[in-house]
Amino acid sequence: SWFDVELEGLYSSPFCDGADLYINGELIEHLEIPSYISKIPQYAFLDCGSLKSVVIPGSIKKISDCAFFGCTSLEKVVIKSGVENIQGSVFYGCTSLKEIDIPNTVTYIDNNAFSDCTSLENIILPDKLSYISDSIFDGCTSLKSITIPASVKEIRFNAFLYCESLEEINYLGSVEEWNAIKKSGRYNANCNAFVVRCTDGVVKISKWQ
């Protein structure tokens, strides 16, 4: 099975440089991974040129590093309940990605998971995250709205770097809880002014200087 192959680096993927995915001679644009699959190895679909949508079953607990890195045609991802861990750079450079559903079973999303997803406009983060990783949305230049759960206690370095279209964060806690979150001094680097809509009020964040 392809999902049992262990690739060793960015250039070990057979899809490197934009090759298409074929199964039994059929070009695959819409991939629904079967529920008997228990893992997606690192670099599994790196640079795959044909994928437009992917459904990931809950039988997969961890989506490994760079699994869909550089899939520039990928527009929609559905992650089913049961998935727990999204590793680093999984969707890095998926420049056509507009829609992603993340279930509340996900408790960990690593660095750069959505970096340079330049078509992504909004995202809802799962309600068990304890922190927002470094550079998670770095270069998401179309991102307008992010929903952040009250479980988040820290927003790390360059989390929203170059999110120049960001207009609002919908924070599912109070103003006091938002202010208590540990925030890197560069969490909103190169962002314009935006607002944080809390359950009991609004916080205005000034343009990064």
Protein backbone atom coordinates (compact mmCIF):
# COMPACT_ATOMS: atom_id res chain seq x y z
CA SER A 1 0.00 0.00 0.00
CA TRP A 2 1.19 3.54 -0.81
CA PHE A 3 0.34 4.56 2.75
CA ASP A 4 2.95 2.11 4.09
CA VAL A 5 5.82 3.66 2.12
CA GLU A 6 8.23 5.75 4.19
CA LEU A 7 9.69 8.63 2.17
CA GLU A 8 12.91 10.17 3.41
CA GLY A 9 12.85 13.76 2.17
CA LEU A 10 11.19 16.48 0.13
CA TYR A 11 12.66 15.20 -3.11
CA SER A 12 11.86 11.54 -2.53
CA SER A 13 8.18 12.00 -3.42
CA PRO A 14 7.25 10.67 -6.88
CA PHE A 15 4.91 13.66 -7.22
CA CYS A 16 7.77 16.12 -6.79
CA ASP A 17 7.54 18.98 -9.31
CA GLY A 18 3.79 18.57 -9.83
CA ALA A 19 3.25 15.04 -11.16
CA ASP A 20 -0.37 13.81 -11.21
CA LEU A 21 -1.88 10.95 -9.23
CA TYR A 22 -3.23 7.94 -11.15
CA ILE A 23 -4.86 4.85 -9.67
CA ASN A 24 -5.37 1.93 -12.06
CA GLY A 25 -4.84 4.29 -14.96
CA GLU A 26 -7.44 6.82 -13.77
CA LEU A 27 -6.47 10.41 -13.04
CA ILE A 28 -7.39 11.21 -9.43
CA GLU A 29 -8.64 14.71 -8.63
CA HIS A 30 -10.92 13.85 -5.71
CA LEU A 31 -9.41 11.46 -3.18
CA GLU A 32 -11.37 9.85 -0.35
CA ILE A 33 -8.92 7.87 1.73
CA PRO A 34 -10.45 4.54 2.86
CA SER A 35 -11.22 4.09 6.55
CA TYR A 36 -8.98 0.99 6.82
CA ILE A 37 -5.96 3.30 6.36
CA SER A 38 -4.40 4.22 9.71
CA LYS A 39 -1.69 6.70 8.72
CA ILE A 40 -0.61 9.23 6.12
CA PRO A 41 3.19 9.14 5.98
CA GLN A 42 5.32 12.26 5.61
CA TYR A 43 5.65 13.66 2.07
CA ALA A 44 2.96 11.19 0.87
CA PHE A 45 1.40 13.54 -1.70
CA LEU A 46 3.98 16.32 -1.74
CA ASP A 47 3.62 18.47 -4.91
CA CYS A 48 0.85 16.27 -6.33
CA GLY A 49 -0.57 18.33 -9.19
CA SER A 50 -3.97 16.69 -9.78
CA LEU A 51 -5.58 16.65 -6.33
CA LYS A 52 -8.49 19.08 -5.95
CA SER A 53 -10.18 17.64 -2.87
CA VAL A 54 -9.29 15.17 -0.13
CA VAL A 55 -11.37 13.43 2.55
CA ILE A 56 -9.31 12.11 5.47
CA PRO A 57 -11.03 9.48 7.66
CA GLY A 58 -11.03 9.39 11.45
CA SER A 59 -9.08 6.13 11.38
CA ILE A 60 -6.01 8.27 10.71
CA LYS A 61 -4.87 9.73 14.03
CA LYS A 62 -1.88 11.70 12.69
CA ILE A 63 -1.34 13.46 9.37
CA SER A 64 2.44 13.43 9.06
CA ASP A 65 4.77 16.26 8.10
CA CYS A 66 4.45 17.77 4.62
CA ALA A 67 1.86 15.16 3.59
CA PHE A 68 0.15 17.56 1.15
CA PHE A 69 2.92 20.15 0.88
CA GLY A 70 2.74 22.10 -2.39
CA CYS A 71 -0.48 20.56 -3.71
CA THR A 72 -1.28 23.73 -5.61
CA SER A 73 -4.57 22.48 -7.13
CA LEU A 74 -6.03 21.36 -3.77
CA GLU A 75 -9.19 23.38 -3.06
CA LYS A 76 -11.05 21.50 -0.32
CA VAL A 77 -10.05 19.26 2.58
CA VAL A 78 -12.45 17.42 4.87
CA ILE A 79 -10.88 15.93 7.99
CA LYS A 80 -13.25 13.52 9.73
CA SER A 81 -13.78 13.19 13.47
CA GLY A 82 -11.14 10.96 15.04
CA VAL A 83 -8.05 12.65 13.59
CA GLU A 84 -5.99 14.09 16.47
CA ASN A 85 -2.70 15.47 15.16
CA ILE A 86 -1.80 17.67 12.16
CA GLN A 87 1.97 17.76 11.85
CA GLY A 88 4.23 20.51 10.50
CA SER A 89 3.81 21.98 7.01
CA VAL A 90 1.06 19.49 6.12
CA PHE A 91 -0.73 21.95 3.80
CA TYR A 92 2.15 24.37 3.25
CA GLY A 93 1.91 26.04 -0.16
CA CYS A 94 -1.55 24.71 -1.05
CA THR A 95 -2.25 27.96 -2.86
CA SER A 96 -5.75 27.02 -4.10
CA LEU A 97 -7.05 25.80 -0.73
CA LYS A 98 -10.28 27.62 0.07
CA GLU A 99 -12.08 25.29 2.45
CA ILE A 100 -10.91 23.02 5.25
CA ASP A 101 -13.02 21.31 7.89
CA ILE A 102 -11.13 20.45 11.09
CA PRO A 103 -12.95 18.33 13.69
CA ASN A 104 -12.84 19.01 17.41
CA THR A 105 -10.94 15.75 17.94
CA VAL A 106 -7.81 17.54 16.66
CA THR A 107 -5.78 18.66 19.68
CA TYR A 108 -2.47 19.58 18.03
CA ILE A 109 -1.55 21.52 14.88
CA ASP A 110 2.18 22.01 14.32
CA ASN A 111 4.28 24.84 12.84
CA ASN A 112 3.59 26.10 9.30
CA ALA A 113 0.62 23.76 8.87
CA PHE A 114 -1.18 26.26 6.60
CA SER A 115 1.65 28.56 5.53
CA ASP A 116 1.25 30.16 2.09
CA CYS A 117 -2.34 28.94 1.66
CA THR A 118 -2.96 32.14 -0.23
CA SER A 119 -6.61 31.43 -1.19
CA LEU A 120 -7.81 30.54 2.32
CA GLU A 121 -10.24 33.20 3.58
CA ASN A 122 -11.56 31.78 6.86
CA ILE A 123 -10.88 28.93 9.24
CA ILE A 124 -12.37 27.55 12.45
CA LEU A 125 -9.84 26.02 14.83
CA PRO A 126 -10.87 23.01 16.94
CA ASP A 127 -11.97 23.57 20.50
CA LYS A 128 -9.27 21.55 22.28
CA LEU A 129 -6.18 23.38 21.01
CA SER A 130 -3.99 24.69 23.83
CA TYR A 131 -1.78 26.92 21.66
CA ILE A 132 -1.41 28.26 18.12
CA SER A 133 1.90 27.17 16.67
CA ASP A 134 4.70 29.22 15.14
CA SER A 135 4.03 30.52 11.61
CA ILE A 136 0.88 28.42 11.32
CA PHE A 137 -0.75 30.93 8.94
CA ASP A 138 2.41 32.62 7.66
CA GLY A 139 1.73 34.07 4.22
CA CYS A 140 -2.03 33.43 4.20
CA THR A 141 -2.57 36.74 2.43
CA SER A 142 -6.33 36.25 1.80
CA LEU A 143 -7.23 35.13 5.32
CA LYS A 144 -9.99 37.39 6.66
CA SER A 145 -11.45 35.56 9.65
CA ILE A 146 -10.17 33.06 12.21
CA THR A 147 -12.21 31.42 14.96
CA ILE A 148 -10.11 30.61 18.02
CA PRO A 149 -11.42 28.51 20.92
CA ALA A 150 -11.19 29.58 24.56
CA SER A 151 -8.92 26.59 25.20
CA VAL A 152 -6.00 28.43 23.54
CA LYS A 153 -3.59 29.84 26.13
CA GLU A 154 -0.70 30.87 23.87
CA ILE A 155 -0.22 32.32 20.37
CA ARG A 156 3.32 31.75 19.21
CA PHE A 157 5.94 33.45 17.03
CA ASN A 158 4.77 34.75 13.62
CA ALA A 159 1.47 32.86 13.91
CA PHE A 160 -0.29 35.34 11.59
CA LEU A 161 2.75 36.70 9.73
CA TYR A 162 1.74 38.51 6.51
CA CYS A 163 -1.98 37.85 7.06
CA GLU A 164 -2.51 41.28 5.57
CA SER A 165 -6.23 40.74 4.83
CA LEU A 166 -7.10 39.67 8.39
CA GLU A 167 -10.17 41.57 9.56
CA GLU A 168 -11.35 39.68 12.61
CA ILE A 169 -10.62 36.97 15.10
CA ASN A 170 -13.70 35.36 16.61
CA TYR A 171 -12.50 34.36 20.06
CA LEU A 172 -14.83 32.04 21.97
CA GLY A 173 -13.91 33.39 25.37
CA SER A 174 -14.16 36.67 27.25
CA VAL A 175 -12.11 39.83 26.81
CA GLU A 176 -10.32 39.01 30.07
CA GLU A 177 -9.43 35.54 28.78
CA TRP A 178 -8.16 36.99 25.48
CA ASN A 179 -5.95 39.46 27.30
CA ALA A 180 -4.58 36.63 29.47
CA ILE A 181 -3.37 34.63 26.45
CA LYS A 182 0.43 34.58 26.21
CA LYS A 183 1.22 36.18 22.84
CA SER A 184 4.55 36.39 21.05
CA GLY A 185 5.51 39.97 20.29
CA ARG A 186 5.42 39.03 16.60
CA TYR A 187 2.25 36.96 16.55
CA ASN A 188 0.59 39.52 14.24
CA ALA A 189 3.70 40.68 12.39
CA ASN A 190 2.98 42.50 9.12
CA CYS A 191 -0.78 42.44 9.73
CA ASN A 192 -3.08 45.42 9.31
CA ALA A 193 -5.45 46.48 12.08
CA PHE A 194 -8.12 43.93 13.00
CA VAL A 195 -10.65 43.27 15.75
CA VAL A 196 -11.02 40.40 18.20
CA ARG A 197 -14.69 39.61 18.83
CA CYS A 198 -15.02 38.03 22.27
CA THR A 199 -18.14 36.72 23.98
CA ASP A 200 -18.49 39.92 26.02
CA GLY A 201 -16.87 42.62 23.93
CA VAL A 202 -14.47 43.65 21.19
CA VAL A 203 -10.71 44.21 21.35
CA LYS A 204 -9.06 46.38 18.69
CA ILE A 205 -5.59 45.32 17.51
CA SER A 206 -3.53 48.03 15.86
CA LYS A 207 -1.62 47.65 12.63
CA TRP A 208 1.76 46.01 13.12
CA GLN A 209 4.53 48.60 13.31
